[in-house]
C-alpha cells in the first residue's frame, strides 16, 4: 500500500502543485519522493511509500537499467510476479513485485500486462520512447485511483481524490476529478509540450472471466462438474490458495476479526497457513465494539478457537461521534452505510498503527457481494435475479465496501489484503449455477458455510452465525449504532434544513437528518464533488428506508428466535 501522484502538462509551478501530493502522505509513512521527468519539465511523479517488500530498492518511480525510457508509479501487490518471471525468463533488478509490470509491458504491451497481473493494483506507466502514458486499475478497484483531465490536455492522477481537488490550472479553476474505473486501462499520447490526449479506455477484465494469468497459477486445473462435493472442495482449495498467495510481505501480518463468518474464515485459514510456512510470530487479530457487543463476543470465541493473539478495542458513542468528520474526510463519500461502518474500522486501524507492529492487515471484504451475504437476498424473486444483483454489487464495490476498507486502513498507514476478491476464487464462484448460490433454509451464504462445515476451522456457532452488518454488530442488540448516530444528529440538524435539503442538494438529495449531516461535512471538504457517489447504497426487493440490516423484517425474526 502506498500513495501515487503524477502530473503531465502542468501550467503552474510544480513546486506549488506538489503540495497537493502531501495530502495523501498517510498512505506511505516510510518515505517520500518527488521526481521530474527528464525532457518534460512540466511532468512529475510523487510517491509516498509504505515499505512492505524490498525495503532497500523499493522507492518509486521504478526505473531499471534495461528500460531507461520507462517510468512506473504503482500502488498494490502483484502476487504472481515470481511465476511470471519463471514463465517468461524475466531478469529482475529489484525484489519489488511491481517491477514485473515493466517487463510484461516490454514483452507484450499494455493489454497483456494488465491481463497477466494477479493481484491488486493501480498504476501510472510512462513510456518516453514512444510518448505514451498508461493508467490501469485492478478488477474490483481494491486499490484506488482518481484522475483529472482538462480539455487542453493537463492530466493529474492520484490514489485519492483529495490529492487533485486543489490543483491549479490556467483554463480551469476546478478541474473535474473522477474515479478511474476498475478493470480498465487507458492509453494517452504524450505531446512534446507535456500535455496528453486520451486515445482509448479499454475494459481488460470482467470478473466472471478467468484472467490470462490463471495459466501460470499455483493451483492448476480443478475438477469440473457441479456436484456438491466437487464444488465444496474447489471452493476450499481456491480460498486457501487466495489466502496463501497474499502472505507475501516483509512486515508483520495481522487480521481484522469481527466474529462474523467472513473475517473468521480469513483469520482461521490465515493462521493455519502462517504455521505451515513457519512464520515465527503469532497472528494478531483485532476486534472493535462497544461493551458486550455481539461482534466482540463472537470474535473472542473465534480467537480462542484458532489461537490468535487477540486485541479488543472498546469504544463509546462519544468517541465514535467525534470521529465522524475525519472519517468522512478520509473516505471522500457521503454514503450513509459506508460512513456508519467506517467509524469502527477507522478506530481499530488507528489502534493497530499506534499500539502494534502489524502493518499488512487481512480482512473479509467482498464476501457479502460475491456469496450473497446481505439479508435482503432472502427476498430475491429468483436465483437468476439474485445472481444479477451479486454481479452489480461486485461492480460497485469500489464505491462502497472496498472504498471503506481502503481509506480507513490507509488513513493509518496500513496495507489491506482481501482474499475473497481473488480473481480465481471469484470467477469460479460466479460460474456456479445460480440456484447453488442463493440463501437456503433461512441462512445466507449457505454454500460457503457448507464448504467449510467439516474443516473444524471454526466453532459451529460461528460458521452458522447469521449476517450482522459491521456497523450494527459493533453496538449492542438493544441499541444499534445507527440509532445512536441518529439520536445525536437529530439534535444537530434543524427540521427546516432538512425540508429544504433537495433545493440545496438536488443531486442525491438527503432524505434524513443523518444523511443531511454527512452531506454537509462532505461538501465542506469537497465542495461540488457530489458526483463521486452516483447513488446511495440501499437494499433491494424490500421497502427499506434505511440501509441497516437491523431494520429488515428477516433480521428481527432471526433475533427473536
Protein backbone atom coordinates (compact mmCIF):
# COMPACT_ATOMS: atom_id res chain seq x y z
CA UNK A 1 0.00 0.00 0.00
CA UNK A 2 1.28 3.45 -0.88
CA UNK A 3 0.24 6.76 -2.37
CA UNK A 4 0.90 7.59 -6.03
CA UNK A 5 0.54 11.01 -7.67
CA UNK A 6 1.56 12.35 -11.07
CA UNK A 7 1.06 15.42 -13.24
CA UNK A 8 1.51 15.80 -17.00
CA UNK A 9 1.44 19.18 -18.73
CA UNK A 10 1.12 21.43 -15.68
CA UNK A 11 0.93 25.16 -16.44
CA UNK A 12 1.66 26.05 -12.84
CA UNK A 13 4.91 25.83 -10.90
CA UNK A 14 5.46 22.19 -9.89
CA UNK A 15 6.87 23.15 -6.51
CA UNK A 16 3.45 24.67 -5.72
CA UNK A 17 1.46 21.82 -7.29
CA UNK A 18 3.36 19.18 -5.33
CA UNK A 19 1.83 20.48 -2.09
CA UNK A 20 -1.28 18.60 -3.24
CA UNK A 21 0.71 15.36 -3.21
CA UNK A 22 1.25 15.79 0.54
CA UNK A 23 -2.48 15.32 1.14
CA UNK A 24 -2.00 11.56 0.71
CA UNK A 25 1.12 11.29 2.90
CA UNK A 26 -0.78 8.96 5.28
CA UNK A 27 -0.71 6.23 2.59
CA UNK A 28 3.09 5.99 2.74
CA UNK A 29 4.59 6.99 6.10
CA UNK A 30 8.02 5.42 5.44
CA UNK A 31 9.38 7.63 2.64
CA UNK A 32 8.52 10.30 0.05
CA UNK A 33 9.95 11.08 -3.37
CA UNK A 34 9.13 13.84 -5.86
CA UNK A 35 10.74 13.43 -9.28
CA UNK A 36 10.61 15.40 -12.52
CA UNK A 37 10.57 13.61 -15.86
CA UNK A 38 13.70 14.13 -17.99
CA UNK A 39 12.91 16.26 -21.03
CA UNK A 40 9.42 17.19 -19.78
CA UNK A 41 9.83 19.94 -17.21
CA UNK A 42 6.09 20.18 -16.55
CA UNK A 43 5.66 16.46 -15.80
CA UNK A 44 6.41 14.84 -12.47
CA UNK A 45 5.76 11.92 -10.13
CA UNK A 46 5.10 11.95 -6.40
CA UNK A 47 5.31 8.82 -4.27
CA UNK A 48 4.56 8.07 -0.61
CA UNK A 49 5.93 4.69 0.42
CA UNK A 50 4.82 2.06 2.88
CA UNK A 51 7.73 -0.40 2.72
CA UNK A 52 6.25 -3.91 2.66
CA UNK A 53 8.64 -5.62 0.19
CA UNK A 54 12.23 -4.78 -0.83
CA UNK A 55 12.90 -2.08 1.71
CA UNK A 56 16.25 -1.21 0.05
CA UNK A 57 15.29 -0.74 -3.62
CA UNK A 58 11.55 -0.23 -3.44
CA UNK A 59 11.33 3.52 -3.98
CA UNK A 60 9.35 4.85 -6.93
CA UNK A 61 9.01 5.78 -9.69
CA UNK A 62 10.61 2.45 -10.54
CA UNK A 63 13.18 2.61 -13.33
CA UNK A 64 15.53 -0.19 -14.35
CA UNK A 65 18.70 -0.17 -16.48
CA UNK A 66 17.18 -2.44 -19.10
CA UNK A 67 14.32 0.00 -19.86
CA UNK A 68 15.63 3.55 -19.15
CA UNK A 69 12.66 5.06 -21.03
CA UNK A 70 10.04 3.51 -18.72
CA UNK A 71 8.80 5.13 -15.51
CA UNK A 72 6.41 3.27 -13.20
CA UNK A 73 4.46 4.51 -10.19
CA UNK A 74 2.18 1.84 -8.76
CA UNK A 75 0.18 1.03 -5.65
CA UNK A 76 -0.58 -2.62 -4.98
CA UNK A 77 0.74 -6.16 -4.78
CA UNK A 78 1.36 -8.47 -7.71
CA UNK A 79 1.12 -11.98 -6.28
CA UNK A 80 2.30 -13.87 -9.35
CA UNK A 81 5.47 -11.89 -10.14
CA UNK A 82 7.71 -14.89 -9.44
CA UNK A 83 5.60 -17.25 -11.58
CA UNK A 84 5.71 -14.73 -14.45
CA UNK A 85 9.48 -14.41 -14.07
CA UNK A 86 9.82 -18.18 -14.34
CA UNK A 87 7.43 -18.47 -17.30
CA UNK A 88 8.94 -15.68 -19.40
CA UNK A 89 12.56 -15.67 -18.16
CA UNK A 90 12.45 -12.10 -16.86
CA UNK A 91 15.62 -10.78 -15.19
CA UNK A 92 14.59 -8.57 -12.28
CA UNK A 93 16.80 -5.77 -10.99
CA UNK A 94 14.94 -5.39 -7.66
CA UNK A 95 12.85 -7.51 -5.31
CA UNK A 96 9.82 -5.28 -5.90
CA UNK A 97 6.83 -7.27 -7.18
CA UNK A 98 5.69 -4.35 -9.34
CA UNK A 99 8.85 -4.45 -11.44
CA UNK A 100 7.14 -7.23 -13.43
CA UNK A 101 4.87 -4.55 -14.97
CA UNK A 102 7.86 -3.09 -16.83
CA UNK A 103 8.93 -6.49 -18.17
CA UNK A 104 5.39 -7.51 -19.21
CA UNK A 105 4.86 -4.19 -20.99
CA UNK A 106 8.15 -4.51 -22.86
CA UNK A 107 7.26 -8.06 -23.87
CA UNK A 108 3.64 -7.69 -24.97
CA UNK A 109 2.23 -4.20 -24.50
CA UNK A 110 -0.31 -2.77 -22.08
CA UNK A 111 -3.23 -5.15 -22.69
CA UNK A 112 -1.23 -8.26 -21.95
CA UNK A 113 0.36 -6.53 -18.97
CA UNK A 114 -2.95 -5.71 -17.29
CA UNK A 115 -4.44 -9.12 -18.10
CA UNK A 116 -1.49 -11.14 -16.75
CA UNK A 117 -1.31 -9.46 -13.34
CA UNK A 118 -2.71 -11.48 -10.43
CA UNK A 119 -3.13 -9.00 -7.65
CA UNK A 120 -4.47 -5.60 -6.72
CA UNK A 121 -3.03 -2.54 -8.38
CA UNK A 122 -3.37 0.99 -9.63
CA UNK A 123 -0.53 2.26 -11.78
CA UNK A 124 0.84 5.04 -13.96
CA UNK A 125 3.28 3.85 -16.61
CA UNK A 126 5.19 6.37 -18.71
CA UNK A 127 6.97 5.34 -21.92
CA UNK A 128 9.08 8.33 -23.05
CA UNK A 129 10.47 6.45 -26.08
CA UNK A 130 7.00 6.01 -27.60
CA UNK A 131 5.50 9.06 -25.88
CA UNK A 132 2.69 7.17 -24.17
CA UNK A 133 1.12 7.33 -20.71
CA UNK A 134 -0.85 4.34 -19.41
CA UNK A 135 -3.21 4.18 -16.43
CA UNK A 136 -4.67 0.92 -15.10
CA UNK A 137 -6.65 -0.35 -12.12
CA UNK A 138 -7.41 -3.85 -10.83
CA UNK A 139 -10.67 -5.70 -11.49
CA UNK A 140 -12.54 -4.70 -8.31
CA UNK A 141 -10.80 -1.42 -7.61
CA UNK A 142 -9.24 -2.71 -4.39
CA UNK A 143 -6.53 -0.11 -4.93
CA UNK A 144 -7.92 3.38 -5.55
CA UNK A 145 -7.16 5.70 -8.45
CA UNK A 146 -8.51 9.12 -9.43
CA UNK A 147 -7.75 11.35 -12.38
CA UNK A 148 -8.40 14.81 -13.73
CA UNK A 149 -8.03 15.54 -17.46
CA UNK A 150 -8.72 19.02 -18.82
CA UNK A 151 -9.75 19.92 -22.36
CA UNK A 152 -6.29 21.27 -23.12
CA UNK A 153 -4.51 18.06 -22.03
CA UNK A 154 -3.44 18.63 -18.42
CA UNK A 155 -3.53 15.29 -16.60
CA UNK A 156 -3.41 14.68 -12.86
CA UNK A 157 -3.52 11.20 -11.31
CA UNK A 158 -3.67 10.27 -7.62
CA UNK A 159 -4.52 7.43 -5.23
CA UNK A 160 -7.11 9.64 -3.54
CA UNK A 161 -9.23 12.47 -4.88
CA UNK A 162 -8.01 14.88 -2.19
CA UNK A 163 -4.62 14.99 -3.92
CA UNK A 164 -6.21 16.51 -7.05
CA UNK A 165 -9.00 18.81 -5.85
CA UNK A 166 -6.80 21.87 -5.29
CA UNK A 167 -4.59 21.64 -8.36
CA UNK A 168 -4.11 24.91 -10.21
CA UNK A 169 -4.59 25.16 -13.95
CA UNK A 170 -4.83 28.12 -16.28
CA UNK A 171 -8.04 27.13 -18.09
CA UNK A 172 -9.99 25.75 -15.18
CA UNK A 173 -10.32 26.83 -11.57
CA UNK A 174 -11.81 23.48 -10.56
CA UNK A 175 -10.91 20.64 -12.95
CA UNK A 176 -13.32 17.68 -12.74
CA UNK A 177 -11.91 14.88 -10.57
CA UNK A 178 -13.24 11.39 -11.32
CA UNK A 179 -12.59 7.85 -10.09
CA UNK A 180 -10.74 5.70 -12.62
CA UNK A 181 -12.89 2.68 -13.48
CA UNK A 182 -11.80 -0.71 -12.09
CA UNK A 183 -10.84 -3.40 -14.59
CA UNK A 184 -9.82 -0.79 -17.19
CA UNK A 185 -6.67 0.66 -18.67
CA UNK A 186 -6.33 3.95 -20.53
CA UNK A 187 -3.84 4.87 -23.26
CA UNK A 188 -2.82 8.52 -23.64
CA UNK A 189 -0.47 10.19 -26.12
CA UNK A 190 2.22 12.39 -24.56
CA UNK A 191 2.86 15.51 -26.61
CA UNK A 192 6.20 17.36 -26.73
CA UNK A 193 4.56 20.06 -24.59
CA UNK A 194 3.98 17.53 -21.79
CA UNK A 195 0.21 17.66 -22.37
CA UNK A 196 -1.68 14.44 -23.11
CA UNK A 197 -4.56 13.27 -25.31
CA UNK A 198 -6.66 10.23 -24.44
CA UNK A 199 -6.53 7.56 -27.16
CA UNK A 200 -8.67 4.77 -25.69
CA UNK A 201 -10.17 3.43 -22.47
CA UNK A 202 -10.33 -0.37 -22.50
CA UNK A 203 -12.02 -2.87 -20.17
CA UNK A 204 -9.39 -5.61 -19.84
CA UNK A 205 -11.17 -7.95 -17.43
CA UNK A 206 -14.70 -8.89 -16.46
CA UNK A 207 -14.95 -10.50 -13.02
CA UNK A 208 -16.87 -13.51 -14.42
CA UNK A 209 -13.99 -14.42 -16.72
CA UNK A 210 -10.86 -16.21 -15.61
CA UNK A 211 -7.87 -13.93 -16.24
CA UNK A 212 -4.98 -14.85 -18.52
CA UNK A 213 -2.68 -15.33 -15.52
CA UNK A 214 -4.64 -18.46 -14.49
CA UNK A 215 -2.42 -20.48 -16.86
CA UNK A 216 0.55 -20.00 -14.51
CA UNK A 217 -1.36 -20.11 -11.21
CA UNK A 218 -0.13 -22.25 -8.32
CA UNK A 219 -3.46 -24.11 -8.37
CA UNK A 220 -3.74 -25.96 -11.65
CA UNK A 221 -6.89 -27.34 -13.31
CA UNK A 222 -9.70 -28.04 -10.85
CA UNK A 223 -12.13 -30.95 -11.12
CA UNK A 224 -15.11 -29.97 -13.28
CA UNK A 225 -18.81 -30.56 -12.68
CA UNK A 226 -21.34 -29.09 -10.29
CA UNK A 227 -21.98 -31.98 -7.90
CA UNK A 228 -21.96 -30.58 -4.38
CA UNK A 229 -18.87 -32.35 -3.04
CA UNK A 230 -16.74 -31.24 -6.02
CA UNK A 231 -17.96 -27.65 -5.69
CA UNK A 232 -17.30 -27.54 -1.94
CA UNK A 233 -13.80 -28.95 -2.41
CA UNK A 234 -12.99 -26.45 -5.16
CA UNK A 235 -14.21 -23.55 -3.01
CA UNK A 236 -11.92 -24.64 -0.16
CA UNK A 237 -8.92 -25.13 -2.46
CA UNK A 238 -9.32 -21.76 -4.16
CA UNK A 239 -9.98 -19.83 -0.96
CA UNK A 240 -6.97 -21.34 0.80
CA UNK A 241 -4.88 -20.51 -2.27
CA UNK A 242 -6.20 -16.94 -2.20
CA UNK A 243 -5.02 -16.53 1.40
CA UNK A 244 -1.68 -18.28 0.77
CA UNK A 245 -0.59 -16.07 -2.12
CA UNK A 246 -1.33 -12.96 -0.01
CA UNK A 247 1.22 -13.93 2.65
CA UNK A 248 3.87 -12.11 0.57
CA UNK A 249 5.24 -9.49 2.99
CA UNK A 250 8.38 -8.36 4.83
CA UNK A 251 6.27 -6.67 7.53
CA UNK A 252 4.09 -8.20 10.24
CA UNK A 253 0.72 -9.63 9.22
CA UNK A 254 -2.47 -9.10 11.23
CA UNK A 255 -6.18 -9.69 10.67
CA UNK A 256 -9.40 -7.81 11.38
CA UNK A 257 -11.83 -10.11 13.17
CA UNK A 258 -15.47 -9.13 13.70
CA UNK A 259 -16.58 -12.66 14.63
CA UNK A 260 -18.74 -12.86 11.52
CA UNK A 261 -18.32 -15.66 9.00
CA UNK A 262 -16.10 -13.79 6.53
CA UNK A 263 -13.41 -12.34 8.77
CA UNK A 264 -13.43 -15.52 10.90
CA UNK A 265 -12.76 -17.73 7.87
CA UNK A 266 -9.97 -15.42 6.74
CA UNK A 267 -8.37 -15.42 10.21
CA UNK A 268 -8.64 -19.20 10.64
CA UNK A 269 -7.16 -20.05 7.22
CA UNK A 270 -4.51 -17.34 7.59
CA UNK A 271 -3.27 -18.62 10.94
CA UNK A 272 -3.21 -22.20 9.65
CA UNK A 273 -1.09 -21.21 6.65
CA UNK A 274 1.26 -19.00 8.67
CA UNK A 275 2.06 -22.07 10.75
CA UNK A 276 2.57 -24.19 7.62
CA UNK A 277 5.24 -21.82 6.23
CA UNK A 278 6.77 -21.45 9.69
CA UNK A 279 6.16 -17.75 10.33
CA UNK A 280 7.53 -17.35 13.85
CA UNK A 281 5.38 -14.56 15.29
CA UNK A 282 1.77 -15.12 16.45
CA UNK A 283 -1.10 -13.79 14.35
CA UNK A 284 -2.60 -10.66 15.89
CA UNK A 285 -6.37 -10.39 15.44
CA UNK A 286 -8.32 -7.20 16.09
CA UNK A 287 -11.95 -6.71 17.07
CA UNK A 288 -13.78 -3.47 17.84
CA UNK A 289 -17.08 -2.76 19.53
CA UNK A 290 -18.92 -1.24 22.43
CA UNK A 291 -19.06 -3.12 25.73
CA UNK A 292 -20.61 -6.60 25.24
CA UNK A 293 -21.42 -6.01 21.57
CA UNK A 294 -22.19 -9.16 19.51
CA UNK A 295 -19.02 -8.72 17.45
CA UNK A 296 -16.71 -8.60 20.47
CA UNK A 297 -18.24 -11.72 21.99
CA UNK A 298 -18.15 -13.68 18.73
CA UNK A 299 -14.59 -12.57 17.87
CA UNK A 300 -13.44 -13.69 21.33
CA UNK A 301 -14.76 -17.21 20.60
CA UNK A 302 -13.01 -17.35 17.24
CA UNK A 303 -9.69 -16.11 18.62
CA UNK A 304 -9.80 -18.71 21.41
CA UNK A 305 -10.61 -21.46 18.90
CA UNK A 306 -7.83 -20.63 16.42
CA UNK A 307 -5.28 -19.47 19.00
CA UNK A 308 -4.52 -15.94 17.83
CA UNK A 309 -3.05 -13.10 19.88
CA UNK A 310 -6.32 -11.23 20.21
CA UNK A 311 -6.80 -7.48 20.73
CA UNK A 312 -10.12 -5.84 21.62
CA UNK A 313 -10.75 -2.17 21.01
CA UNK A 314 -13.67 -0.91 23.05
CA UNK A 315 -15.12 2.49 22.19
CA UNK A 316 -18.08 4.52 23.39
CA UNK A 317 -20.66 6.51 21.47
CA UNK A 318 -18.87 9.81 22.14
CA UNK A 319 -15.59 8.55 20.63
CA UNK A 320 -17.46 7.28 17.58
CA UNK A 321 -19.34 10.55 17.07
CA UNK A 322 -16.16 12.61 17.45
CA UNK A 323 -14.55 10.62 14.61
CA UNK A 324 -17.32 11.33 12.04
CA UNK A 325 -15.71 14.34 10.36
CA UNK A 326 -12.22 12.86 10.00
CA UNK A 327 -13.78 9.64 8.71
CA UNK A 328 -15.76 11.47 6.01
CA UNK A 329 -12.63 13.41 5.02
CA UNK A 330 -10.71 10.13 4.68
CA UNK A 331 -13.49 8.34 2.80
CA UNK A 332 -14.36 11.05 0.26
CA UNK A 333 -18.01 9.94 0.28
CA UNK A 334 -21.30 10.86 1.94
CA UNK A 335 -22.91 7.43 1.62
CA UNK A 336 -24.79 6.62 4.83
CA UNK A 337 -23.99 2.96 5.42
CA UNK A 338 -20.36 3.41 4.32
CA UNK A 339 -19.82 6.13 6.93
CA UNK A 340 -21.53 4.14 9.70
CA UNK A 341 -19.40 1.06 9.04
CA UNK A 342 -16.21 3.08 8.56
CA UNK A 343 -16.14 4.61 12.02
CA UNK A 344 -15.40 1.30 13.74
CA UNK A 345 -12.88 0.29 11.09
CA UNK A 346 -11.16 3.69 11.28
CA UNK A 347 -10.82 3.47 15.06
CA UNK A 348 -9.50 -0.10 15.05
CA UNK A 349 -6.97 0.83 12.34
CA UNK A 350 -5.84 3.77 14.48
CA UNK A 351 -5.28 1.36 17.38
CA UNK A 352 -3.31 -1.10 15.20
CA UNK A 353 -0.99 1.65 13.99
CA UNK A 354 -0.37 3.13 17.44
CA UNK A 355 -0.25 0.03 19.65
CA UNK A 356 1.13 -2.80 17.50
CA UNK A 357 3.65 -3.57 14.77
CA UNK A 358 1.17 -5.26 12.42
CA UNK A 359 1.12 -3.47 9.05
CA UNK A 360 -0.30 -5.94 6.50
CA UNK A 361 -3.93 -6.44 7.50
CA UNK A 362 -6.20 -9.19 6.18
CA UNK A 363 -9.96 -8.62 6.06
CA UNK A 364 -13.18 -10.22 4.81
CA UNK A 365 -14.39 -7.61 2.28
CA UNK A 366 -16.07 -8.83 -0.88
CA UNK A 367 -17.69 -11.95 0.52
CA UNK A 368 -21.16 -10.45 1.03
CA UNK A 369 -21.30 -9.27 -2.56
CA UNK A 370 -19.87 -12.47 -4.02
CA UNK A 371 -21.67 -15.07 -1.89
CA UNK A 372 -24.99 -13.20 -1.50
CA UNK A 373 -24.48 -12.45 2.18
CA UNK A 374 -26.76 -9.45 2.61
CA UNK A 375 -30.01 -10.22 4.39
CA UNK A 376 -32.14 -8.79 1.60
CA UNK A 377 -31.01 -11.66 -0.67
CA UNK A 378 -33.64 -13.75 1.15
CA UNK A 379 -36.22 -11.66 -0.75
CA UNK A 380 -34.73 -12.18 -4.22
CA UNK A 381 -37.54 -13.05 -6.69
CA UNK A 382 -35.43 -15.76 -8.35
CA UNK A 383 -31.92 -17.28 -8.26
CA UNK A 384 -31.17 -15.53 -11.57
CA UNK A 385 -32.09 -12.10 -10.19
CA UNK A 386 -30.03 -12.81 -7.08
CA UNK A 387 -27.05 -13.65 -9.33
CA UNK A 388 -27.52 -10.41 -11.28
CA UNK A 389 -27.64 -8.42 -8.05
CA UNK A 390 -24.47 -10.10 -6.82
CA UNK A 391 -22.68 -9.02 -10.01
CA UNK A 392 -23.99 -5.46 -9.69
CA UNK A 393 -22.68 -5.25 -6.13
CA UNK A 394 -19.26 -6.54 -7.19
CA UNK A 395 -19.14 -3.98 -9.99
CA UNK A 396 -19.82 -1.18 -7.46
CA UNK A 397 -17.53 -2.40 -4.69
CA UNK A 398 -15.09 0.43 -5.41
CA UNK A 399 -17.79 2.95 -4.43
CA UNK A 400 -18.74 1.30 -1.15
CA UNK A 401 -17.13 -1.57 0.84
CA UNK A 402 -13.77 -1.60 -0.92
CA UNK A 403 -13.60 2.20 -0.65
CA UNK A 404 -14.32 1.95 3.10
CA UNK A 405 -11.75 -0.77 3.65
CA UNK A 406 -9.00 1.03 1.75
CA UNK A 407 -9.46 4.53 3.15
CA UNK A 408 -9.94 3.58 6.82
CA UNK A 409 -6.79 1.44 6.86
CA UNK A 410 -4.71 3.66 4.55
CA UNK A 411 -5.51 6.67 6.76
CA UNK A 412 -3.28 5.00 9.35
CA UNK A 413 -0.57 3.66 7.03
CA UNK A 414 -1.80 0.05 6.92
CA UNK A 415 -2.00 -2.25 3.90
CA UNK A 416 -5.23 -4.18 3.37
CA UNK A 417 -5.46 -7.66 1.82
CA UNK A 418 -8.80 -9.15 0.76
CA UNK A 419 -8.65 -12.85 -0.23
CA UNK A 420 -12.39 -13.09 -1.02
CA UNK A 421 -11.73 -10.88 -4.06
CA UNK A 422 -9.10 -13.20 -5.51
CA UNK A 423 -9.61 -13.45 -9.29
CA UNK A 424 -9.74 -17.23 -9.50
CA UNK A 425 -11.96 -17.58 -6.43
CA UNK A 426 -14.50 -15.01 -7.65
CA UNK A 427 -14.61 -16.22 -11.26
CA UNK A 428 -15.16 -19.81 -10.07
CA UNK A 429 -17.88 -18.84 -7.59
CA UNK A 430 -19.70 -16.77 -10.22
CA UNK A 431 -19.52 -19.67 -12.69
CA UNK A 432 -21.63 -21.87 -10.40
CA UNK A 433 -25.33 -22.39 -11.18
CA UNK A 434 -27.44 -19.54 -9.76
CA UNK A 435 -29.57 -21.89 -7.63
CA UNK A 436 -26.45 -23.16 -5.83
CA UNK A 437 -25.53 -19.66 -4.61
CA UNK A 438 -28.81 -18.46 -3.08
CA UNK A 439 -29.66 -18.44 0.67
CA UNK A 440 -31.15 -21.73 1.88
CA UNK A 441 -33.10 -22.75 4.98
CA UNK A 442 -33.28 -19.10 6.01
CA UNK A 443 -29.47 -18.81 6.05
CA UNK A 444 -27.46 -16.57 3.72
CA UNK A 445 -24.07 -17.68 2.28
CA UNK A 446 -25.25 -21.26 2.71
CA UNK A 447 -22.86 -22.74 0.12
CA UNK A 448 -19.80 -21.03 1.61
CA UNK A 449 -20.71 -22.24 5.11
CA UNK A 450 -21.33 -25.77 3.81
CA UNK A 451 -17.95 -25.82 2.12
CA UNK A 452 -16.11 -25.40 5.44
CA UNK A 453 -18.51 -27.40 7.63
CA UNK A 454 -16.22 -30.39 8.13
CA UNK A 455 -12.95 -28.45 8.33
CA UNK A 456 -13.00 -27.71 12.08
CA UNK A 457 -11.57 -24.29 11.24
CA UNK A 458 -14.31 -22.52 13.22
CA UNK A 459 -16.77 -23.27 16.02
CA UNK A 460 -20.14 -24.36 14.56
CA UNK A 461 -21.99 -21.38 16.09
CA UNK A 462 -19.62 -19.01 14.26
CA UNK A 463 -19.71 -20.88 10.96
CA UNK A 464 -23.51 -20.64 11.01
CA UNK A 465 -23.78 -17.22 12.71
CA UNK A 466 -26.40 -15.10 10.86
CA UNK A 467 -25.33 -11.99 8.98
CA UNK A 468 -24.67 -8.96 11.19
CA UNK A 469 -23.63 -5.78 9.39
CA UNK A 470 -20.31 -4.44 10.75
CA UNK A 471 -21.90 -1.10 11.63
CA UNK A 472 -24.59 -2.95 13.64
CA UNK A 473 -22.51 -5.69 15.25
CA UNK A 474 -20.17 -3.25 16.99
CA UNK A 475 -23.06 -1.96 19.15
CA UNK A 476 -25.43 -3.80 21.49
CA UNK A 477 -28.56 -5.59 20.29
CA UNK A 478 -30.67 -3.27 22.46
CA UNK A 479 -29.50 -0.11 20.70
CA UNK A 480 -27.90 -0.21 17.25
CA UNK A 481 -25.00 2.02 16.21
CA UNK A 482 -27.19 3.69 13.58
CA UNK A 483 -29.75 4.58 16.29
CA UNK A 484 -27.02 6.13 18.45
CA UNK A 485 -25.85 8.21 15.49
CA UNK A 486 -29.38 9.27 14.57
CA UNK A 487 -30.20 10.34 18.14
CA UNK A 488 -27.12 12.57 18.22
CA UNK A 489 -27.63 14.03 14.74
CA UNK A 490 -31.30 14.72 15.40
CA UNK A 491 -30.15 17.42 17.81
CA UNK A 492 -27.68 18.88 15.29
CA UNK A 493 -29.92 19.35 12.24
CA UNK A 494 -32.96 21.62 12.28
CA UNK A 495 -36.19 20.33 10.69
CA UNK A 496 -36.29 23.33 8.35
CA UNK A 497 -32.84 22.49 6.94
CA UNK A 498 -34.00 19.01 6.04
CA UNK A 499 -37.16 20.38 4.39
CA UNK A 500 -35.01 22.49 2.07
CA UNK A 501 -32.34 19.82 1.52
CA UNK A 502 -33.48 18.96 -2.02
CA UNK A 503 -33.13 22.61 -3.06
CA UNK A 504 -29.64 22.87 -1.63
CA UNK A 505 -28.50 19.45 -2.87
CA UNK A 506 -30.54 18.46 -5.94
CA UNK A 507 -28.20 15.57 -6.77
CA UNK A 508 -28.68 12.65 -4.34
CA UNK A 509 -30.82 14.85 -2.05
CA UNK A 510 -30.62 13.88 1.65
CA UNK A 511 -33.87 12.30 2.89
CA UNK A 512 -32.97 12.09 6.59
CA UNK A 513 -31.22 14.28 9.12
CA UNK A 514 -28.39 11.75 9.26
CA UNK A 515 -27.74 11.90 5.51
CA UNK A 516 -28.02 15.72 5.57
CA UNK A 517 -25.43 15.91 8.37
CA UNK A 518 -22.98 13.70 6.45
CA UNK A 519 -23.55 15.66 3.23
CA UNK A 520 -22.78 18.97 4.96
CA UNK A 521 -19.44 17.63 6.19
CA UNK A 522 -18.63 16.18 2.78
CA UNK A 523 -19.41 19.47 0.99
CA UNK A 524 -17.25 21.35 3.50
CA UNK A 525 -14.20 19.33 2.42
CA UNK A 526 -15.14 18.50 -1.19
CA UNK A 527 -17.49 21.22 -2.46
CA UNK A 528 -19.26 20.43 -5.72
CA UNK A 529 -17.97 16.84 -5.90
CA UNK A 530 -21.22 15.02 -5.07
CA UNK A 531 -20.97 13.10 -8.37
CA UNK A 532 -18.29 10.86 -6.80
CA UNK A 533 -21.24 8.93 -5.33
CA UNK A 534 -23.70 8.02 -8.12
CA UNK A 535 -26.31 6.72 -5.65
CA UNK A 536 -26.74 5.70 -2.01
CA UNK A 537 -26.24 2.06 -1.01
CA UNK A 538 -29.66 0.56 -0.18
CA UNK A 539 -31.06 -2.99 -0.02
CA UNK A 540 -33.26 -4.22 -2.88
CA UNK A 541 -36.59 -6.09 -3.03
CA UNK A 542 -37.67 -4.69 0.34
CA UNK A 543 -39.32 -1.39 1.21
CA UNK A 544 -36.32 -0.13 3.10
CA UNK A 545 -35.91 3.47 4.18
CA UNK A 546 -32.61 2.74 5.95
CA UNK A 547 -29.61 0.64 4.80
CA UNK A 548 -29.19 -1.10 8.20
CA UNK A 549 -29.88 -4.84 8.23
CA UNK A 550 -31.45 -4.44 11.67
CA UNK A 551 -34.39 -2.56 10.18
CA UNK A 552 -35.31 -5.53 7.96
CA UNK A 553 -38.05 -7.98 8.93
CA UNK A 554 -35.82 -11.05 8.41
CA UNK A 555 -33.28 -9.76 10.95
CA UNK A 556 -35.99 -9.09 13.54
CA UNK A 557 -37.43 -12.60 13.16
CA UNK A 558 -33.97 -14.16 13.48
CA UNK A 559 -33.22 -12.08 16.58
CA UNK A 560 -36.46 -13.24 18.21
CA UNK A 561 -35.65 -16.87 17.50
